Amino acid sequence: MEKFQDDYYSVIAKCHVLGESTLFIEFMLSQIDKILDDISKQVNEDIGQIAPNIKKLLDVMKDDVSYSSNELMQKLNLKAKEGFRRNYLRPAIDQNLIYMTIPDKPKSKNQRYIKV
């Protein structure tokens, strides 16, 4: 809000004189658009910082679909469970890119993983 505070009050004053809120609505939509652009740029920068192995994991996962660790290993053509957990699964969970369906029982045979 501080970034555009002067413009905000100027637009409100103009709207008061005109007796309508069109300028204010356009101004606020413009500010929202700028903020969303900034967020989008930040998200794209963050994605660029994700390790290649984690990107591979995320690429094989569909949104809102839960997977067992065995299903994910199969999709990635991996055999070593411990390496998968250490290099793919744990870093993705730690970066909040995927989450466990049973977080209080991480070693449950029914544990599944979902992409955020």
C-alpha atoms as a PDB file:
ATOM      1  CA  MET A   1       0.000   0.000   0.000  1.00  0.00           C
ATOM      2  CA  GLU A   2       2.856   2.401   0.807  1.00  0.00           C
ATOM      3  CA  LYS A   3       4.172   2.095  -2.748  1.00  0.00           C
ATOM      4  CA  PHE A   4       1.073   3.691  -4.219  1.00  0.00           C
ATOM      5  CA  GLN A   5      -0.373   5.595  -1.266  1.00  0.00           C
ATOM      6  CA  ASP A   6      -0.146   9.060  -2.893  1.00  0.00           C
ATOM      7  CA  ASP A   7      -1.782   7.822  -6.104  1.00  0.00           C
ATOM      8  CA  TYR A   8      -4.445   6.049  -4.031  1.00  0.00           C
ATOM      9  CA  TYR A   9      -5.492   9.264  -2.279  1.00  0.00           C
ATOM     10  CA  SER A  10      -5.346  11.223  -5.525  1.00  0.00           C
ATOM     11  CA  VAL A  11      -7.685   8.755  -7.238  1.00  0.00           C
ATOM     12  CA  ILE A  12     -10.078   8.823  -4.280  1.00  0.00           C
ATOM     13  CA  ALA A  13     -10.170  12.635  -4.437  1.00  0.00           C
ATOM     14  CA  LYS A  14     -10.924  12.539  -8.179  1.00  0.00           C
ATOM     15  CA  CYS A  15     -13.691  10.016  -7.618  1.00  0.00           C
ATOM     16  CA  HIS A  16     -15.191  12.209  -4.926  1.00  0.00           C
ATOM     17  CA  VAL A  17     -15.257  15.188  -7.314  1.00  0.00           C
ATOM     18  CA  LEU A  18     -16.722  13.075 -10.157  1.00  0.00           C
ATOM     19  CA  GLY A  19     -19.218  11.341  -7.892  1.00  0.00           C
ATOM     20  CA  GLU A  20     -18.348   7.886  -9.231  1.00  0.00           C
ATOM     21  CA  SER A  21     -15.906   5.121  -8.406  1.00  0.00           C
ATOM     22  CA  THR A  22     -14.790   3.979 -11.889  1.00  0.00           C
ATOM     23  CA  LEU A  23     -11.314   5.536 -11.574  1.00  0.00           C
ATOM     24  CA  PHE A  24     -10.825   3.959  -8.170  1.00  0.00           C
ATOM     25  CA  ILE A  25     -11.836   0.506  -9.413  1.00  0.00           C
ATOM     26  CA  GLU A  26      -9.511   0.794 -12.415  1.00  0.00           C
ATOM     27  CA  PHE A  27      -6.688   1.977 -10.165  1.00  0.00           C
ATOM     28  CA  MET A  28      -7.126  -0.881  -7.700  1.00  0.00           C
ATOM     29  CA  LEU A  29      -7.344  -3.477 -10.480  1.00  0.00           C
ATOM     30  CA  SER A  30      -4.147  -2.051 -11.945  1.00  0.00           C
ATOM     31  CA  GLN A  31      -2.403  -2.344  -8.568  1.00  0.00           C
ATOM     32  CA  ILE A  32      -3.632  -5.919  -8.109  1.00  0.00           C
ATOM     33  CA  ASP A  33      -2.342  -6.755 -11.586  1.00  0.00           C
ATOM     34  CA  LYS A  34       1.105  -5.350 -10.717  1.00  0.00           C
ATOM     35  CA  ILE A  35       1.215  -7.312  -7.456  1.00  0.00           C
ATOM     36  CA  LEU A  36       0.230 -10.532  -9.229  1.00  0.00           C
ATOM     37  CA  ASP A  37       2.974  -9.920 -11.810  1.00  0.00           C
ATOM     38  CA  ASP A  38       5.500  -9.521  -8.996  1.00  0.00           C
ATOM     39  CA  ILE A  39       4.310 -12.747  -7.358  1.00  0.00           C
ATOM     40  CA  SER A  40       4.463 -14.590 -10.670  1.00  0.00           C
ATOM     41  CA  LYS A  41       8.051 -13.433 -11.229  1.00  0.00           C
ATOM     42  CA  GLN A  42       9.011 -14.554  -7.724  1.00  0.00           C
ATOM     43  CA  VAL A  43       7.415 -17.984  -8.212  1.00  0.00           C
ATOM     44  CA  ASN A  44       9.246 -18.429 -11.513  1.00  0.00           C
ATOM     45  CA  GLU A  45      12.539 -17.483  -9.851  1.00  0.00           C
ATOM     46  CA  ASP A  46      11.856 -19.956  -7.030  1.00  0.00           C
ATOM     47  CA  ILE A  47      11.101 -22.732  -9.523  1.00  0.00           C
ATOM     48  CA  GLY A  48      14.404 -22.006 -11.234  1.00  0.00           C
ATOM     49  CA  GLN A  49      16.165 -22.728  -7.941  1.00  0.00           C
ATOM     50  CA  ILE A  50      14.664 -26.209  -7.527  1.00  0.00           C
ATOM     51  CA  ALA A  51      17.182 -29.015  -7.978  1.00  0.00           C
ATOM     52  CA  PRO A  52      16.829 -30.992 -11.233  1.00  0.00           C
ATOM     53  CA  ASN A  53      15.990 -34.255  -9.437  1.00  0.00           C
ATOM     54  CA  ILE A  54      13.141 -32.574  -7.549  1.00  0.00           C
ATOM     55  CA  LYS A  55      11.877 -31.050 -10.808  1.00  0.00           C
ATOM     56  CA  LYS A  56      11.779 -34.571 -12.264  1.00  0.00           C
ATOM     57  CA  LEU A  57       9.750 -35.760  -9.283  1.00  0.00           C
ATOM     58  CA  LEU A  58       7.279 -32.897  -9.626  1.00  0.00           C
ATOM     59  CA  ASP A  59       7.009 -33.465 -13.374  1.00  0.00           C
ATOM     60  CA  VAL A  60       5.842 -37.068 -12.937  1.00  0.00           C
ATOM     61  CA  MET A  61       3.206 -36.074 -10.362  1.00  0.00           C
ATOM     62  CA  LYS A  62      -0.204 -34.837 -11.447  1.00  0.00           C
ATOM     63  CA  ASP A  63      -2.003 -32.208  -9.390  1.00  0.00           C
ATOM     64  CA  ASP A  64      -4.368 -33.523  -6.705  1.00  0.00           C
ATOM     65  CA  VAL A  65      -3.289 -37.147  -7.206  1.00  0.00           C
ATOM     66  CA  SER A  66      -1.753 -39.112  -4.349  1.00  0.00           C
ATOM     67  CA  TYR A  67       1.146 -41.492  -4.967  1.00  0.00           C
ATOM     68  CA  SER A  68       2.912 -44.139  -2.915  1.00  0.00           C
ATOM     69  CA  SER A  69       6.697 -43.965  -2.806  1.00  0.00           C
ATOM     70  CA  ASN A  70       6.841 -47.148  -4.909  1.00  0.00           C
ATOM     71  CA  GLU A  71       4.649 -45.580  -7.598  1.00  0.00           C
ATOM     72  CA  LEU A  72       6.882 -42.514  -7.702  1.00  0.00           C
ATOM     73  CA  MET A  73      10.056 -44.588  -7.856  1.00  0.00           C
ATOM     74  CA  GLN A  74       8.561 -46.570 -10.730  1.00  0.00           C
ATOM     75  CA  LYS A  75       7.626 -43.392 -12.611  1.00  0.00           C
ATOM     76  CA  LEU A  76      11.200 -42.131 -12.153  1.00  0.00           C
ATOM     77  CA  ASN A  77      12.687 -45.530 -13.014  1.00  0.00           C
ATOM     78  CA  LEU A  78      14.538 -45.669  -9.679  1.00  0.00           C
ATOM     79  CA  LYS A  79      15.419 -48.806  -7.720  1.00  0.00           C
ATOM     80  CA  ALA A  80      17.126 -47.626  -4.509  1.00  0.00           C
ATOM     81  CA  LYS A  81      14.468 -46.630  -1.971  1.00  0.00           C
ATOM     82  CA  GLU A  82      16.882 -44.881   0.401  1.00  0.00           C
ATOM     83  CA  GLY A  83      18.423 -42.829  -2.420  1.00  0.00           C
ATOM     84  CA  PHE A  84      14.941 -41.896  -3.600  1.00  0.00           C
ATOM     85  CA  ARG A  85      13.969 -40.727  -0.123  1.00  0.00           C
ATOM     86  CA  ARG A  86      17.221 -38.819   0.434  1.00  0.00           C
ATOM     87  CA  ASN A  87      17.523 -37.186  -3.015  1.00  0.00           C
ATOM     88  CA  TYR A  88      13.925 -36.712  -4.124  1.00  0.00           C
ATOM     89  CA  LEU A  89      11.259 -37.209  -1.519  1.00  0.00           C
ATOM     90  CA  ARG A  90      12.718 -35.581   1.601  1.00  0.00           C
ATOM     91  CA  PRO A  91      13.995 -32.426  -0.184  1.00  0.00           C
ATOM     92  CA  ALA A  92      10.626 -31.971  -1.923  1.00  0.00           C
ATOM     93  CA  ILE A  93       8.796 -32.309   1.398  1.00  0.00           C
ATOM     94  CA  ASP A  94      11.250 -29.960   3.145  1.00  0.00           C
ATOM     95  CA  GLN A  95      10.680 -27.337   0.434  1.00  0.00           C
ATOM     96  CA  ASN A  96       6.887 -27.726   0.799  1.00  0.00           C
ATOM     97  CA  LEU A  97       6.559 -28.871  -2.808  1.00  0.00           C
ATOM     98  CA  ILE A  98       4.823 -32.103  -1.855  1.00  0.00           C
ATOM     99  CA  TYR A  99       3.149 -33.244   1.336  1.00  0.00           C
ATOM    100  CA  MET A 100       2.422 -36.502   3.101  1.00  0.00           C
ATOM    101  CA  THR A 101      -1.158 -37.663   3.499  1.00  0.00           C
ATOM    102  CA  ILE A 102      -0.311 -39.084   6.950  1.00  0.00           C
ATOM    103  CA  PRO A 103       2.305 -36.640   8.286  1.00  0.00           C
ATOM    104  CA  ASP A 104       2.255 -37.981  11.845  1.00  0.00           C
ATOM    105  CA  LYS A 105       3.131 -41.486  10.540  1.00  0.00           C
ATOM    106  CA  PRO A 106       5.809 -40.919   7.886  1.00  0.00           C
ATOM    107  CA  LYS A 107       6.680 -44.631   7.610  1.00  0.00           C
ATOM    108  CA  SER A 108       3.103 -45.885   7.339  1.00  0.00           C
ATOM    109  CA  LYS A 109       2.515 -48.470   4.610  1.00  0.00           C
ATOM    110  CA  ASN A 110      -0.491 -46.331   3.624  1.00  0.00           C
ATOM    111  CA  GLN A 111       1.587 -43.151   3.274  1.00  0.00           C
ATOM    112  CA  ARG A 112       0.982 -41.244   0.057  1.00  0.00           C
ATOM    113  CA  TYR A 113       2.375 -38.044  -1.388  1.00  0.00           C
ATOM    114  CA  ILE A 114       0.616 -35.181  -3.130  1.00  0.00           C
ATOM    115  CA  LYS A 115       2.117 -32.325  -5.132  1.00  0.00           C
ATOM    116  CA  VAL A 116       1.314 -28.893  -3.692  1.00  0.00           C
END
